[in-house]
N, C-alpha and C. Protein backbone atom coordinates (compact mmCIF):
# COMPACT_ATOMS: atom_id res chain seq x y z
N UNK A 1 11.22 -33.36 -10.75
CA UNK A 1 11.18 -32.87 -12.11
C UNK A 1 9.82 -32.21 -12.36
N UNK A 2 9.83 -31.19 -13.16
CA UNK A 2 8.65 -30.39 -13.42
C UNK A 2 7.75 -31.06 -14.47
N UNK A 3 6.63 -31.60 -14.03
CA UNK A 3 5.71 -32.30 -14.93
C UNK A 3 5.15 -31.35 -15.99
N UNK A 4 4.95 -30.10 -15.62
CA UNK A 4 4.41 -29.13 -16.59
C UNK A 4 5.39 -28.89 -17.73
N UNK A 5 6.68 -28.86 -17.43
CA UNK A 5 7.69 -28.68 -18.48
C UNK A 5 7.70 -29.90 -19.41
N UNK A 6 7.59 -31.09 -18.84
CA UNK A 6 7.52 -32.32 -19.65
C UNK A 6 6.29 -32.25 -20.56
N UNK A 7 5.18 -31.83 -20.01
CA UNK A 7 3.94 -31.71 -20.78
C UNK A 7 4.11 -30.74 -21.94
N UNK A 8 4.79 -29.64 -21.71
CA UNK A 8 5.01 -28.65 -22.77
C UNK A 8 5.84 -29.23 -23.91
N UNK A 9 6.86 -30.02 -23.58
CA UNK A 9 7.68 -30.64 -24.62
C UNK A 9 6.86 -31.66 -25.39
N UNK A 10 6.08 -32.47 -24.69
CA UNK A 10 5.23 -33.46 -25.36
C UNK A 10 4.23 -32.77 -26.27
N UNK A 11 3.71 -31.63 -25.84
CA UNK A 11 2.78 -30.88 -26.69
C UNK A 11 3.44 -30.41 -27.98
N UNK A 12 4.76 -30.17 -27.95
CA UNK A 12 5.49 -29.79 -29.16
C UNK A 12 5.72 -30.99 -30.08
N UNK A 13 5.83 -32.18 -29.51
CA UNK A 13 6.05 -33.41 -30.28
C UNK A 13 4.74 -33.92 -30.88
N UNK A 14 3.66 -33.69 -30.19
CA UNK A 14 2.34 -34.22 -30.55
C UNK A 14 1.95 -34.03 -32.03
N UNK A 15 2.12 -32.84 -32.62
CA UNK A 15 1.70 -32.67 -34.02
C UNK A 15 2.38 -33.64 -35.00
N UNK A 16 3.63 -33.99 -34.72
CA UNK A 16 4.33 -34.95 -35.58
C UNK A 16 3.66 -36.32 -35.50
N UNK A 17 3.27 -36.72 -34.32
CA UNK A 17 2.60 -38.00 -34.14
C UNK A 17 1.21 -37.97 -34.76
N UNK A 18 0.52 -36.86 -34.58
CA UNK A 18 -0.84 -36.73 -35.12
C UNK A 18 -0.82 -36.74 -36.65
N UNK A 19 0.24 -36.24 -37.24
CA UNK A 19 0.36 -36.24 -38.70
C UNK A 19 0.40 -37.67 -39.25
N UNK A 20 0.85 -38.61 -38.43
CA UNK A 20 0.90 -40.02 -38.82
C UNK A 20 -0.29 -40.82 -38.28
N UNK A 21 -1.29 -40.13 -37.75
CA UNK A 21 -2.48 -40.81 -37.24
C UNK A 21 -2.36 -41.29 -35.81
N UNK A 22 -1.37 -40.81 -35.10
CA UNK A 22 -1.18 -41.24 -33.72
C UNK A 22 -1.34 -40.08 -32.76
N UNK A 23 -1.01 -40.34 -31.51
CA UNK A 23 -1.04 -39.30 -30.49
C UNK A 23 -0.29 -39.83 -29.27
N UNK A 24 -0.16 -39.00 -28.26
CA UNK A 24 0.57 -39.37 -27.05
C UNK A 24 -0.08 -38.69 -25.85
N UNK A 25 -0.20 -39.42 -24.76
CA UNK A 25 -0.69 -38.87 -23.50
C UNK A 25 0.40 -39.00 -22.45
N UNK A 26 0.59 -37.97 -21.67
CA UNK A 26 1.51 -38.03 -20.54
C UNK A 26 0.77 -38.67 -19.37
N UNK A 27 1.32 -39.75 -18.84
CA UNK A 27 0.69 -40.47 -17.74
C UNK A 27 1.29 -40.07 -16.40
N UNK A 28 2.63 -40.07 -16.33
CA UNK A 28 3.28 -39.81 -15.04
C UNK A 28 4.72 -39.40 -15.26
N UNK A 29 5.24 -38.61 -14.34
CA UNK A 29 6.66 -38.28 -14.30
C UNK A 29 7.13 -38.67 -12.91
N UNK A 30 8.06 -39.62 -12.83
CA UNK A 30 8.52 -40.10 -11.53
C UNK A 30 9.66 -39.23 -11.00
N UNK A 31 9.92 -39.37 -9.72
CA UNK A 31 10.99 -38.60 -9.07
C UNK A 31 12.37 -38.95 -9.62
N UNK A 32 12.52 -40.17 -10.15
CA UNK A 32 13.82 -40.59 -10.67
C UNK A 32 13.98 -40.32 -12.18
N UNK A 33 13.09 -39.49 -12.75
CA UNK A 33 13.26 -39.05 -14.12
C UNK A 33 12.64 -39.92 -15.19
N UNK A 34 11.82 -40.87 -14.80
CA UNK A 34 11.13 -41.72 -15.79
C UNK A 34 9.83 -41.03 -16.20
N UNK A 35 9.66 -40.88 -17.50
CA UNK A 35 8.45 -40.28 -18.04
C UNK A 35 7.60 -41.41 -18.62
N UNK A 36 6.40 -41.56 -18.08
CA UNK A 36 5.49 -42.60 -18.55
C UNK A 36 4.45 -41.97 -19.46
N UNK A 37 4.34 -42.52 -20.67
CA UNK A 37 3.41 -42.01 -21.66
C UNK A 37 2.57 -43.16 -22.19
N UNK A 38 1.52 -42.80 -22.90
CA UNK A 38 0.71 -43.81 -23.59
C UNK A 38 0.62 -43.38 -25.05
N UNK A 39 1.12 -44.24 -25.94
CA UNK A 39 0.98 -43.98 -27.36
C UNK A 39 -0.42 -44.37 -27.78
N UNK A 40 -1.03 -43.52 -28.61
CA UNK A 40 -2.43 -43.72 -29.01
C UNK A 40 -2.56 -43.77 -30.52
N UNK A 41 -3.73 -44.19 -30.99
CA UNK A 41 -4.01 -44.22 -32.42
C UNK A 41 -3.08 -45.17 -33.15
N UNK A 42 -2.64 -44.77 -34.32
CA UNK A 42 -1.75 -45.62 -35.11
C UNK A 42 -0.45 -45.93 -34.38
N UNK A 43 -0.01 -45.01 -33.54
CA UNK A 43 1.24 -45.22 -32.81
C UNK A 43 1.14 -46.40 -31.83
N UNK A 44 -0.05 -46.65 -31.32
CA UNK A 44 -0.22 -47.71 -30.32
C UNK A 44 0.08 -49.08 -30.90
N UNK A 45 -0.28 -49.31 -32.15
CA UNK A 45 -0.08 -50.64 -32.72
C UNK A 45 0.99 -50.70 -33.79
N UNK A 46 1.69 -49.61 -33.98
CA UNK A 46 2.69 -49.54 -35.05
C UNK A 46 3.93 -50.34 -34.70
N UNK A 47 4.47 -51.01 -35.70
CA UNK A 47 5.68 -51.81 -35.46
C UNK A 47 6.89 -50.91 -35.17
N UNK A 48 6.77 -49.62 -35.46
CA UNK A 48 7.86 -48.68 -35.21
C UNK A 48 7.65 -47.88 -33.92
N UNK A 49 6.70 -48.28 -33.11
CA UNK A 49 6.36 -47.51 -31.91
C UNK A 49 7.56 -47.36 -30.97
N UNK A 50 8.34 -48.41 -30.80
CA UNK A 50 9.49 -48.32 -29.89
C UNK A 50 10.53 -47.33 -30.43
N UNK A 51 10.72 -47.33 -31.73
CA UNK A 51 11.65 -46.36 -32.34
C UNK A 51 11.13 -44.94 -32.15
N UNK A 52 9.84 -44.76 -32.36
CA UNK A 52 9.23 -43.44 -32.15
C UNK A 52 9.47 -42.99 -30.72
N UNK A 53 9.29 -43.91 -29.80
CA UNK A 53 9.43 -43.59 -28.38
C UNK A 53 10.86 -43.19 -28.04
N UNK A 54 11.84 -44.02 -28.46
CA UNK A 54 13.22 -43.75 -28.06
C UNK A 54 13.90 -42.71 -28.93
N UNK A 55 13.73 -42.79 -30.24
CA UNK A 55 14.44 -41.87 -31.13
C UNK A 55 13.74 -40.53 -31.27
N UNK A 56 12.45 -40.50 -31.03
CA UNK A 56 11.70 -39.25 -31.15
C UNK A 56 11.43 -38.62 -29.80
N UNK A 57 10.55 -39.25 -29.05
CA UNK A 57 10.07 -38.67 -27.80
C UNK A 57 11.18 -38.58 -26.75
N UNK A 58 11.84 -39.71 -26.48
CA UNK A 58 12.86 -39.72 -25.43
C UNK A 58 14.03 -38.80 -25.77
N UNK A 59 14.49 -38.85 -27.00
CA UNK A 59 15.63 -38.00 -27.39
C UNK A 59 15.29 -36.52 -27.22
N UNK A 60 14.11 -36.13 -27.67
CA UNK A 60 13.70 -34.73 -27.56
C UNK A 60 13.57 -34.31 -26.11
N UNK A 61 12.93 -35.14 -25.30
CA UNK A 61 12.78 -34.80 -23.88
C UNK A 61 14.15 -34.67 -23.19
N UNK A 62 15.06 -35.59 -23.47
CA UNK A 62 16.38 -35.55 -22.83
C UNK A 62 17.18 -34.32 -23.25
N UNK A 63 17.01 -33.90 -24.50
CA UNK A 63 17.74 -32.71 -24.97
C UNK A 63 17.27 -31.46 -24.24
N UNK A 64 15.97 -31.38 -24.00
CA UNK A 64 15.41 -30.17 -23.38
C UNK A 64 15.41 -30.26 -21.86
N UNK A 65 15.19 -31.47 -21.34
CA UNK A 65 15.12 -31.68 -19.88
C UNK A 65 16.12 -32.79 -19.52
N UNK A 66 17.35 -32.43 -19.21
CA UNK A 66 18.39 -33.44 -18.94
C UNK A 66 18.07 -34.40 -17.79
N UNK A 67 17.14 -34.00 -16.90
CA UNK A 67 16.79 -34.87 -15.77
C UNK A 67 16.01 -36.11 -16.21
N UNK A 68 15.48 -36.11 -17.43
CA UNK A 68 14.75 -37.28 -17.93
C UNK A 68 15.74 -38.41 -18.13
N UNK A 69 15.46 -39.56 -17.51
CA UNK A 69 16.33 -40.72 -17.64
C UNK A 69 15.82 -41.74 -18.64
N UNK A 70 14.49 -41.79 -18.78
CA UNK A 70 13.89 -42.82 -19.65
C UNK A 70 12.46 -42.42 -19.96
N UNK A 71 11.97 -42.85 -21.12
CA UNK A 71 10.57 -42.69 -21.48
C UNK A 71 10.02 -44.08 -21.76
N UNK A 72 8.93 -44.43 -21.09
CA UNK A 72 8.34 -45.75 -21.27
C UNK A 72 6.88 -45.62 -21.67
N UNK A 73 6.45 -46.54 -22.53
CA UNK A 73 5.06 -46.59 -22.95
C UNK A 73 4.28 -47.44 -21.97
N UNK A 74 3.16 -46.93 -21.52
CA UNK A 74 2.26 -47.66 -20.62
C UNK A 74 1.04 -48.04 -21.43
N UNK A 75 0.98 -49.31 -21.90
CA UNK A 75 -0.18 -49.70 -22.71
C UNK A 75 -1.46 -49.75 -21.87
N UNK A 76 -2.57 -49.80 -22.56
CA UNK A 76 -3.87 -49.88 -21.87
C UNK A 76 -3.97 -51.10 -21.02
């Protein structure tokens, strides 16, 4: 899977997270379609972080890049 394409999609999602005081870093894209990210700022400790990850980030990535199988948060 093309890591640069994943990065471009995350860059499109980023302003929405930043508007809520958070951010996201792309950590890794595995060969089996798992995208590893790190939620930052308010997103890192937010009780809605898992919803943001699955309903926002993962859904958007899967719509644009069907090879994405899962998005997981890699905490510090």
